[in-house]
Amino acid sequence: MCELDIFKENFFSTMMMLGKNPAGSLTVLPSGSLVSMSGLPSEDDNYVLFNSLTTQCEVKKSLDLFNKQKVPFVAPEFPDLGEQLPKMLESLGLHTTNNYTAMYLSDKNKTYVSDTSCVEITSLSEAETWAIASWMGFEGKTPVSESYVDFTKYLISRRENKLFILKDKGIAVCSGLLCYSNRACGLYSFSTLPEYRRRGFAKLLMNSMAAVAFRSHNIFVLLATEEGVPFYENFGFLSLANIPIRTLKIKA
């Protein structure tokens, strides 16, 4: 199994986990395509994952599900979709809005050391601490919504997840989520408070999370935004593939 296949296995596993949130929903179509709604209203928390076997009927059903719920979503376009499906998606109004990069890191590269300021969140009573750090790290408006705190509690309850924060003088300035699958550990929801960026905190947390990831797996994967690619490349991650991100304007 190549690194890109391992990345996809982890990504699909994580999206299934998000869709199983009691406040969300998960639909597996006959082709194996997934419609994963996390229960959150933000675009990057809801996904439809197509594959080369996806039919036009399934695409329309997926779009209908999101339109019915009035939930925004994204549809990553993996390299093995072939030529016809992207054309179909375009014809149905699913246009490319961003280009992300699938990346991986091997445990053979170097030794990663956990920092003492990195804390794993394991108790439901600590959910709000991670929720605030993550919400504010992605520049969400305060106060943090109760639904996001409940979502964080769900993440903590799942055995395949590990949640971390990095503290500076008692303040949680960075946060991140590790999602484990059979072949890899994936990094998700990695963010830093705006006023603490470019001060080395993200690198400290990344080192700590990589050390944890490589205790059980030989490969660490993530899907990077265009803005995030330079940071991950400097850390040692290698690019696997360009992943166009499609979305559809949801009808009001």
C-alpha atoms as a PDB file:
ATOM      1  CA  MET A   1       0.000   0.000   0.000  1.00  0.00           C
ATOM      2  CA  CYS A   2       1.527   3.350  -1.070  1.00  0.00           C
ATOM      3  CA  GLU A   3       1.615   6.443   1.138  1.00  0.00           C
ATOM      4  CA  LEU A   4      -1.305   8.061  -0.704  1.00  0.00           C
ATOM      5  CA  ASP A   5      -3.469   4.987  -0.105  1.00  0.00           C
ATOM      6  CA  ILE A   6      -2.496   5.098   3.568  1.00  0.00           C
ATOM      7  CA  PHE A   7      -3.412   8.786   3.700  1.00  0.00           C
ATOM      8  CA  LYS A   8      -6.820   8.049   2.172  1.00  0.00           C
ATOM      9  CA  GLU A   9      -7.456   5.173   4.600  1.00  0.00           C
ATOM     10  CA  ASN A  10      -6.837   7.516   7.530  1.00  0.00           C
ATOM     11  CA  PHE A  11      -8.844  10.363   6.005  1.00  0.00           C
ATOM     12  CA  PHE A  12     -11.875   8.180   5.254  1.00  0.00           C
ATOM     13  CA  SER A  13     -11.676   6.652   8.738  1.00  0.00           C
ATOM     14  CA  THR A  14     -11.652  10.125  10.303  1.00  0.00           C
ATOM     15  CA  MET A  15     -14.581  11.349   8.223  1.00  0.00           C
ATOM     16  CA  MET A  16     -16.587   8.298   9.292  1.00  0.00           C
ATOM     17  CA  MET A  17     -15.785   9.142  12.909  1.00  0.00           C
ATOM     18  CA  LEU A  18     -16.993  12.736  12.436  1.00  0.00           C
ATOM     19  CA  GLY A  19     -20.235  11.570  10.847  1.00  0.00           C
ATOM     20  CA  LYS A  20     -20.980   9.282  13.794  1.00  0.00           C
ATOM     21  CA  ASN A  21     -21.265  12.277  16.108  1.00  0.00           C
ATOM     22  CA  PRO A  22     -24.767  12.023  17.654  1.00  0.00           C
ATOM     23  CA  ALA A  23     -25.494  15.556  16.437  1.00  0.00           C
ATOM     24  CA  GLY A  24     -24.415  14.680  12.882  1.00  0.00           C
ATOM     25  CA  SER A  25     -25.050  11.933  10.364  1.00  0.00           C
ATOM     26  CA  LEU A  26     -23.144   9.467   8.208  1.00  0.00           C
ATOM     27  CA  THR A  27     -24.382   8.058   4.901  1.00  0.00           C
ATOM     28  CA  VAL A  28     -22.440   5.352   3.060  1.00  0.00           C
ATOM     29  CA  LEU A  29     -23.538   5.063  -0.573  1.00  0.00           C
ATOM     30  CA  PRO A  30     -23.467   1.788  -2.585  1.00  0.00           C
ATOM     31  CA  SER A  31     -20.214   2.821  -4.305  1.00  0.00           C
ATOM     32  CA  GLY A  32     -18.531   3.338  -0.933  1.00  0.00           C
ATOM     33  CA  SER A  33     -18.736   7.124  -1.168  1.00  0.00           C
ATOM     34  CA  LEU A  34     -19.337   8.907   2.140  1.00  0.00           C
ATOM     35  CA  VAL A  35     -21.550  11.792   3.179  1.00  0.00           C
ATOM     36  CA  SER A  36     -20.262  12.892   6.580  1.00  0.00           C
ATOM     37  CA  MET A  37     -22.031  15.639   8.544  1.00  0.00           C
ATOM     38  CA  SER A  38     -20.372  16.503  11.835  1.00  0.00           C
ATOM     39  CA  GLY A  39     -23.300  18.427  13.285  1.00  0.00           C
ATOM     40  CA  LEU A  40     -21.380  21.699  13.018  1.00  0.00           C
ATOM     41  CA  PRO A  41     -22.437  24.489  10.632  1.00  0.00           C
ATOM     42  CA  SER A  42     -18.938  25.246   9.294  1.00  0.00           C
ATOM     43  CA  GLU A  43     -17.951  24.162   5.793  1.00  0.00           C
ATOM     44  CA  ASP A  44     -14.688  22.431   6.720  1.00  0.00           C
ATOM     45  CA  ASP A  45     -16.411  20.127   9.217  1.00  0.00           C
ATOM     46  CA  ASN A  46     -18.718  18.458   6.674  1.00  0.00           C
ATOM     47  CA  TYR A  47     -17.513  16.280   3.821  1.00  0.00           C
ATOM     48  CA  VAL A  48     -18.625  14.255   0.867  1.00  0.00           C
ATOM     49  CA  LEU A  49     -15.978  11.767  -0.268  1.00  0.00           C
ATOM     50  CA  PHE A  50     -16.489  10.434  -3.774  1.00  0.00           C
ATOM     51  CA  ASN A  51     -14.591   7.594  -5.460  1.00  0.00           C
ATOM     52  CA  SER A  52     -14.156   6.369  -9.035  1.00  0.00           C
ATOM     53  CA  LEU A  53     -17.304   4.203  -8.758  1.00  0.00           C
ATOM     54  CA  THR A  54     -19.593   7.049  -7.704  1.00  0.00           C
ATOM     55  CA  THR A  55     -22.597   7.407  -9.999  1.00  0.00           C
ATOM     56  CA  GLN A  56     -24.399  10.584 -11.040  1.00  0.00           C
ATOM     57  CA  CYS A  57     -27.396   9.441  -9.017  1.00  0.00           C
ATOM     58  CA  GLU A  58     -25.201   9.183  -5.906  1.00  0.00           C
ATOM     59  CA  VAL A  59     -23.711  12.621  -6.503  1.00  0.00           C
ATOM     60  CA  LYS A  60     -27.183  14.142  -6.744  1.00  0.00           C
ATOM     61  CA  LYS A  61     -28.302  12.275  -3.622  1.00  0.00           C
ATOM     62  CA  SER A  62     -25.289  13.632  -1.738  1.00  0.00           C
ATOM     63  CA  LEU A  63     -26.014  17.187  -2.794  1.00  0.00           C
ATOM     64  CA  ASP A  64     -29.679  16.779  -1.884  1.00  0.00           C
ATOM     65  CA  LEU A  65     -28.725  15.646   1.628  1.00  0.00           C
ATOM     66  CA  PHE A  66     -26.663  18.793   2.227  1.00  0.00           C
ATOM     67  CA  ASN A  67     -29.266  21.051   0.646  1.00  0.00           C
ATOM     68  CA  LYS A  68     -32.000  19.514   2.781  1.00  0.00           C
ATOM     69  CA  GLN A  69     -30.018  20.165   5.947  1.00  0.00           C
ATOM     70  CA  LYS A  70     -28.755  23.534   4.621  1.00  0.00           C
ATOM     71  CA  VAL A  71     -25.259  22.527   5.695  1.00  0.00           C
ATOM     72  CA  PRO A  72     -22.166  23.776   3.822  1.00  0.00           C
ATOM     73  CA  PHE A  73     -19.554  21.156   2.933  1.00  0.00           C
ATOM     74  CA  VAL A  74     -16.404  20.381   0.977  1.00  0.00           C
ATOM     75  CA  ALA A  75     -15.631  17.575  -1.463  1.00  0.00           C
ATOM     76  CA  PRO A  76     -11.918  16.668  -1.767  1.00  0.00           C
ATOM     77  CA  GLU A  77     -11.013  15.440  -5.251  1.00  0.00           C
ATOM     78  CA  PHE A  78      -8.568  12.564  -4.896  1.00  0.00           C
ATOM     79  CA  PRO A  79      -6.203  11.728  -7.794  1.00  0.00           C
ATOM     80  CA  ASP A  80      -7.803   8.354  -8.565  1.00  0.00           C
ATOM     81  CA  LEU A  81     -11.271   9.706  -9.414  1.00  0.00           C
ATOM     82  CA  GLY A  82     -10.545   9.413 -13.126  1.00  0.00           C
ATOM     83  CA  GLU A  83     -11.552  11.950 -15.769  1.00  0.00           C
ATOM     84  CA  GLN A  84     -15.326  11.648 -15.974  1.00  0.00           C
ATOM     85  CA  LEU A  85     -16.323  12.208 -12.345  1.00  0.00           C
ATOM     86  CA  PRO A  86     -14.630  15.636 -11.991  1.00  0.00           C
ATOM     87  CA  LYS A  87     -16.420  16.734 -15.184  1.00  0.00           C
ATOM     88  CA  MET A  88     -19.710  15.499 -13.729  1.00  0.00           C
ATOM     89  CA  LEU A  89     -19.100  17.344 -10.463  1.00  0.00           C
ATOM     90  CA  GLU A  90     -18.339  20.540 -12.361  1.00  0.00           C
ATOM     91  CA  SER A  91     -21.496  20.201 -14.453  1.00  0.00           C
ATOM     92  CA  LEU A  92     -23.576  19.840 -11.279  1.00  0.00           C
ATOM     93  CA  GLY A  93     -22.186  23.052  -9.797  1.00  0.00           C
ATOM     94  CA  LEU A  94     -19.452  21.616  -7.597  1.00  0.00           C
ATOM     95  CA  HIS A  95     -16.631  24.042  -8.341  1.00  0.00           C
ATOM     96  CA  THR A  96     -13.027  24.054  -7.128  1.00  0.00           C
ATOM     97  CA  THR A  97     -12.562  26.693  -4.429  1.00  0.00           C
ATOM     98  CA  ASN A  98      -9.203  25.680  -2.919  1.00  0.00           C
ATOM     99  CA  ASN A  99      -6.257  23.389  -3.524  1.00  0.00           C
ATOM    100  CA  TYR A 100      -4.972  21.439  -0.538  1.00  0.00           C
ATOM    101  CA  THR A 101      -2.003  19.076  -0.289  1.00  0.00           C
ATOM    102  CA  ALA A 102      -1.946  15.543   1.095  1.00  0.00           C
ATOM    103  CA  MET A 103       1.289  15.152   3.066  1.00  0.00           C
ATOM    104  CA  TYR A 104       3.110  12.546   5.138  1.00  0.00           C
ATOM    105  CA  LEU A 105       5.962  12.226   7.584  1.00  0.00           C
ATOM    106  CA  SER A 106       7.950   9.053   8.216  1.00  0.00           C
ATOM    107  CA  ASP A 107       9.294   8.008  11.609  1.00  0.00           C
ATOM    108  CA  LYS A 108      12.645   7.348   9.913  1.00  0.00           C
ATOM    109  CA  ASN A 109      13.287  11.071   9.466  1.00  0.00           C
ATOM    110  CA  LYS A 110      14.308  12.034  13.014  1.00  0.00           C
ATOM    111  CA  THR A 111      13.503  11.661  16.691  1.00  0.00           C
ATOM    112  CA  TYR A 112      10.645  13.784  18.015  1.00  0.00           C
ATOM    113  CA  VAL A 113      10.506  14.851  21.657  1.00  0.00           C
ATOM    114  CA  SER A 114       7.423  15.842  23.636  1.00  0.00           C
ATOM    115  CA  ASP A 115       7.513  19.254  25.308  1.00  0.00           C
ATOM    116  CA  THR A 116       6.429  19.526  28.937  1.00  0.00           C
ATOM    117  CA  SER A 117       4.034  22.344  28.019  1.00  0.00           C
ATOM    118  CA  CYS A 118       2.057  19.930  25.794  1.00  0.00           C
ATOM    119  CA  VAL A 119      -0.978  18.496  27.591  1.00  0.00           C
ATOM    120  CA  GLU A 120      -3.286  15.706  26.462  1.00  0.00           C
ATOM    121  CA  ILE A 121      -6.978  16.378  27.049  1.00  0.00           C
ATOM    122  CA  THR A 122      -8.566  13.193  28.375  1.00  0.00           C
ATOM    123  CA  SER A 123     -11.442  14.319  30.603  1.00  0.00           C
ATOM    124  CA  LEU A 124     -14.823  15.612  29.448  1.00  0.00           C
ATOM    125  CA  SER A 125     -14.470  18.342  32.071  1.00  0.00           C
ATOM    126  CA  GLU A 126     -11.489  19.672  30.064  1.00  0.00           C
ATOM    127  CA  ALA A 127     -13.398  19.779  26.784  1.00  0.00           C
ATOM    128  CA  GLU A 128     -14.036  23.520  26.952  1.00  0.00           C
ATOM    129  CA  THR A 129     -10.298  24.231  27.261  1.00  0.00           C
ATOM    130  CA  TRP A 130      -9.556  22.456  23.974  1.00  0.00           C
ATOM    131  CA  ALA A 131     -12.692  23.845  22.332  1.00  0.00           C
ATOM    132  CA  ILE A 132     -11.717  27.439  23.133  1.00  0.00           C
ATOM    133  CA  ALA A 133      -8.128  26.960  21.913  1.00  0.00           C
ATOM    134  CA  SER A 134      -9.268  25.319  18.676  1.00  0.00           C
ATOM    135  CA  TRP A 135     -12.148  27.745  18.053  1.00  0.00           C
ATOM    136  CA  MET A 136     -10.003  30.821  18.688  1.00  0.00           C
ATOM    137  CA  GLY A 137      -7.096  29.304  16.765  1.00  0.00           C
ATOM    138  CA  PHE A 138      -9.283  29.235  13.670  1.00  0.00           C
ATOM    139  CA  GLU A 139     -10.324  32.816  14.476  1.00  0.00           C
ATOM    140  CA  GLY A 140     -13.843  31.938  15.505  1.00  0.00           C
ATOM    141  CA  LYS A 141     -15.890  34.598  17.251  1.00  0.00           C
ATOM    142  CA  THR A 142     -16.390  34.430  21.009  1.00  0.00           C
ATOM    143  CA  PRO A 143     -18.057  33.085  22.983  1.00  0.00           C
ATOM    144  CA  VAL A 144     -17.411  29.534  21.851  1.00  0.00           C
ATOM    145  CA  SER A 145     -20.677  27.866  20.891  1.00  0.00           C
ATOM    146  CA  GLU A 146     -22.060  25.166  23.164  1.00  0.00           C
ATOM    147  CA  SER A 147     -22.362  22.886  20.134  1.00  0.00           C
ATOM    148  CA  TYR A 148     -18.588  23.074  19.597  1.00  0.00           C
ATOM    149  CA  VAL A 149     -17.937  22.165  23.233  1.00  0.00           C
ATOM    150  CA  ASP A 150     -20.326  19.212  22.859  1.00  0.00           C
ATOM    151  CA  PHE A 151     -18.509  18.234  19.650  1.00  0.00           C
ATOM    152  CA  THR A 152     -15.201  18.318  21.544  1.00  0.00           C
ATOM    153  CA  LYS A 153     -16.675  16.025  24.200  1.00  0.00           C
ATOM    154  CA  TYR A 154     -17.585  13.601  21.431  1.00  0.00           C
ATOM    155  CA  LEU A 155     -14.021  13.719  20.072  1.00  0.00           C
ATOM    156  CA  ILE A 156     -12.647  12.955  23.529  1.00  0.00           C
ATOM    157  CA  SER A 157     -15.010  10.002  23.909  1.00  0.00           C
ATOM    158  CA  ARG A 158     -13.714   8.267  20.764  1.00  0.00           C
ATOM    159  CA  ARG A 159     -10.902   5.777  21.367  1.00  0.00           C
ATOM    160  CA  GLU A 160      -9.243   6.545  18.015  1.00  0.00           C
ATOM    161  CA  ASN A 161      -8.659  10.196  18.969  1.00  0.00           C
ATOM    162  CA  LYS A 162      -6.141  12.067  21.082  1.00  0.00           C
ATOM    163  CA  LEU A 163      -6.542  15.790  21.751  1.00  0.00           C
ATOM    164  CA  PHE A 164      -3.694  18.084  22.770  1.00  0.00           C
ATOM    165  CA  ILE A 165      -3.064  21.674  23.777  1.00  0.00           C
ATOM    166  CA  LEU A 166       0.163  23.592  24.298  1.00  0.00           C
ATOM    167  CA  LYS A 167       0.214  26.052  27.180  1.00  0.00           C
ATOM    168  CA  ASP A 168       2.188  29.249  27.635  1.00  0.00           C
ATOM    169  CA  LYS A 169       1.937  30.819  31.076  1.00  0.00           C
ATOM    170  CA  GLY A 170      -1.240  28.882  31.719  1.00  0.00           C
ATOM    171  CA  ILE A 171      -2.919  29.847  28.437  1.00  0.00           C
ATOM    172  CA  ALA A 172      -3.759  27.171  25.838  1.00  0.00           C
ATOM    173  CA  VAL A 173      -2.174  28.795  22.778  1.00  0.00           C
ATOM    174  CA  CYS A 174      -2.167  25.817  20.358  1.00  0.00           C
ATOM    175  CA  SER A 175      -4.383  22.809  19.869  1.00  0.00           C
ATOM    176  CA  GLY A 176      -4.426  19.701  17.733  1.00  0.00           C
ATOM    177  CA  LEU A 177      -6.247  16.420  17.166  1.00  0.00           C
ATOM    178  CA  LEU A 178      -4.705  13.041  16.354  1.00  0.00           C
ATOM    179  CA  CYS A 179      -6.944  10.481  14.634  1.00  0.00           C
ATOM    180  CA  TYR A 180      -5.705   6.900  14.466  1.00  0.00           C
ATOM    181  CA  SER A 181      -6.579   4.352  11.804  1.00  0.00           C
ATOM    182  CA  ASN A 182      -5.158   0.925  10.962  1.00  0.00           C
ATOM    183  CA  ARG A 183      -2.223   2.151   8.893  1.00  0.00           C
ATOM    184  CA  ALA A 184      -1.546   5.725  10.008  1.00  0.00           C
ATOM    185  CA  CYS A 185      -2.008   8.509  12.501  1.00  0.00           C
ATOM    186  CA  GLY A 186      -3.508  11.698  11.083  1.00  0.00           C
ATOM    187  CA  LEU A 187      -3.269  15.307  12.213  1.00  0.00           C
ATOM    188  CA  TYR A 188      -6.477  17.368  12.214  1.00  0.00           C
ATOM    189  CA  SER A 189      -7.725  20.683  13.659  1.00  0.00           C
ATOM    190  CA  PHE A 190      -4.187  21.987  14.211  1.00  0.00           C
ATOM    191  CA  SER A 191      -4.257  25.693  15.089  1.00  0.00           C
ATOM    192  CA  THR A 192      -2.577  28.496  17.041  1.00  0.00           C
ATOM    193  CA  LEU A 193      -4.134  31.613  18.551  1.00  0.00           C
ATOM    194  CA  PRO A 194      -3.464  34.535  16.158  1.00  0.00           C
ATOM    195  CA  GLU A 195      -1.489  36.590  18.683  1.00  0.00           C
ATOM    196  CA  TYR A 196       0.841  33.627  19.409  1.00  0.00           C
ATOM    197  CA  ARG A 197       1.754  32.737  15.835  1.00  0.00           C
ATOM    198  CA  ARG A 198       5.342  32.783  14.501  1.00  0.00           C
ATOM    199  CA  ARG A 199       6.746  32.380  17.999  1.00  0.00           C
ATOM    200  CA  GLY A 200       7.658  28.694  17.834  1.00  0.00           C
ATOM    201  CA  PHE A 201       4.648  27.321  19.722  1.00  0.00           C
ATOM    202  CA  ALA A 202       3.196  25.421  16.761  1.00  0.00           C
ATOM    203  CA  LYS A 203       6.530  23.667  16.208  1.00  0.00           C
ATOM    204  CA  LEU A 204       6.686  22.650  19.865  1.00  0.00           C
ATOM    205  CA  LEU A 205       3.209  21.148  19.680  1.00  0.00           C
ATOM    206  CA  MET A 206       3.972  19.462  16.362  1.00  0.00           C
ATOM    207  CA  ASN A 207       7.084  17.830  17.810  1.00  0.00           C
ATOM    208  CA  SER A 208       5.073  16.592  20.791  1.00  0.00           C
ATOM    209  CA  MET A 209       2.238  15.221  18.664  1.00  0.00           C
ATOM    210  CA  ALA A 210       4.653  13.554  16.225  1.00  0.00           C
ATOM    211  CA  ALA A 211       6.361  11.843  19.162  1.00  0.00           C
ATOM    212  CA  VAL A 212       2.990  10.466  20.263  1.00  0.00           C
ATOM    213  CA  ALA A 213       1.953   9.477  16.728  1.00  0.00           C
ATOM    214  CA  PHE A 214       5.125   7.466  16.110  1.00  0.00           C
ATOM    215  CA  ARG A 215       4.728   5.425  19.260  1.00  0.00           C
ATOM    216  CA  SER A 216       2.214   3.262  17.423  1.00  0.00           C
ATOM    217  CA  HIS A 217       2.504   4.056  13.689  1.00  0.00           C
ATOM    218  CA  ASN A 218       5.274   4.508  11.143  1.00  0.00           C
ATOM    219  CA  ILE A 219       3.541   7.211   9.136  1.00  0.00           C
ATOM    220  CA  PHE A 220       1.963  10.531  10.108  1.00  0.00           C
ATOM    221  CA  VAL A 221      -0.405  12.144   7.577  1.00  0.00           C
ATOM    222  CA  LEU A 222      -2.364  15.366   7.103  1.00  0.00           C
ATOM    223  CA  LEU A 223      -4.230  17.471   4.562  1.00  0.00           C
ATOM    224  CA  ALA A 224      -2.652  20.918   4.418  1.00  0.00           C
ATOM    225  CA  THR A 225      -4.182  24.186   3.279  1.00  0.00           C
ATOM    226  CA  GLU A 226      -2.159  26.348   0.898  1.00  0.00           C
ATOM    227  CA  GLU A 227      -1.215  28.592   3.830  1.00  0.00           C
ATOM    228  CA  GLY A 228      -0.114  25.651   5.956  1.00  0.00           C
ATOM    229  CA  VAL A 229       2.116  23.869   3.418  1.00  0.00           C
ATOM    230  CA  PRO A 230       5.309  25.934   4.112  1.00  0.00           C
ATOM    231  CA  PHE A 231       5.134  25.190   7.848  1.00  0.00           C
ATOM    232  CA  TYR A 232       4.661  21.457   7.314  1.00  0.00           C
ATOM    233  CA  GLU A 233       7.399  21.310   4.668  1.00  0.00           C
ATOM    234  CA  ASN A 234       9.816  23.059   7.029  1.00  0.00           C
ATOM    235  CA  PHE A 235       8.933  20.500   9.686  1.00  0.00           C
ATOM    236  CA  GLY A 236       9.784  17.643   7.315  1.00  0.00           C
ATOM    237  CA  PHE A 237       6.462  16.570   5.800  1.00  0.00           C
ATOM    238  CA  LEU A 238       6.569  15.454   2.169  1.00  0.00           C
ATOM    239  CA  SER A 239       3.876  16.131  -0.422  1.00  0.00           C
ATOM    240  CA  LEU A 240       1.845  13.208  -1.726  1.00  0.00           C
ATOM    241  CA  ALA A 241      -0.701  14.834  -4.027  1.00  0.00           C
ATOM    242  CA  ASN A 242      -2.546  18.015  -4.831  1.00  0.00           C
ATOM    243  CA  ILE A 243      -6.174  17.707  -3.660  1.00  0.00           C
ATOM    244  CA  PRO A 244      -8.614  20.149  -5.288  1.00  0.00           C
ATOM    245  CA  ILE A 245     -11.414  21.074  -2.889  1.00  0.00           C
ATOM    246  CA  ARG A 246     -14.858  21.430  -4.408  1.00  0.00           C
ATOM    247  CA  THR A 247     -17.954  22.896  -2.844  1.00  0.00           C
ATOM    248  CA  LEU A 248     -21.480  23.925  -3.773  1.00  0.00           C
ATOM    249  CA  LYS A 249     -23.438  26.988  -2.801  1.00  0.00           C
ATOM    250  CA  ILE A 250     -26.179  25.705  -0.523  1.00  0.00           C
ATOM    251  CA  LYS A 251     -29.654  26.949  -1.351  1.00  0.00           C
ATOM    252  CA  ALA A 252     -31.126  29.243   1.297  1.00  0.00           C
END
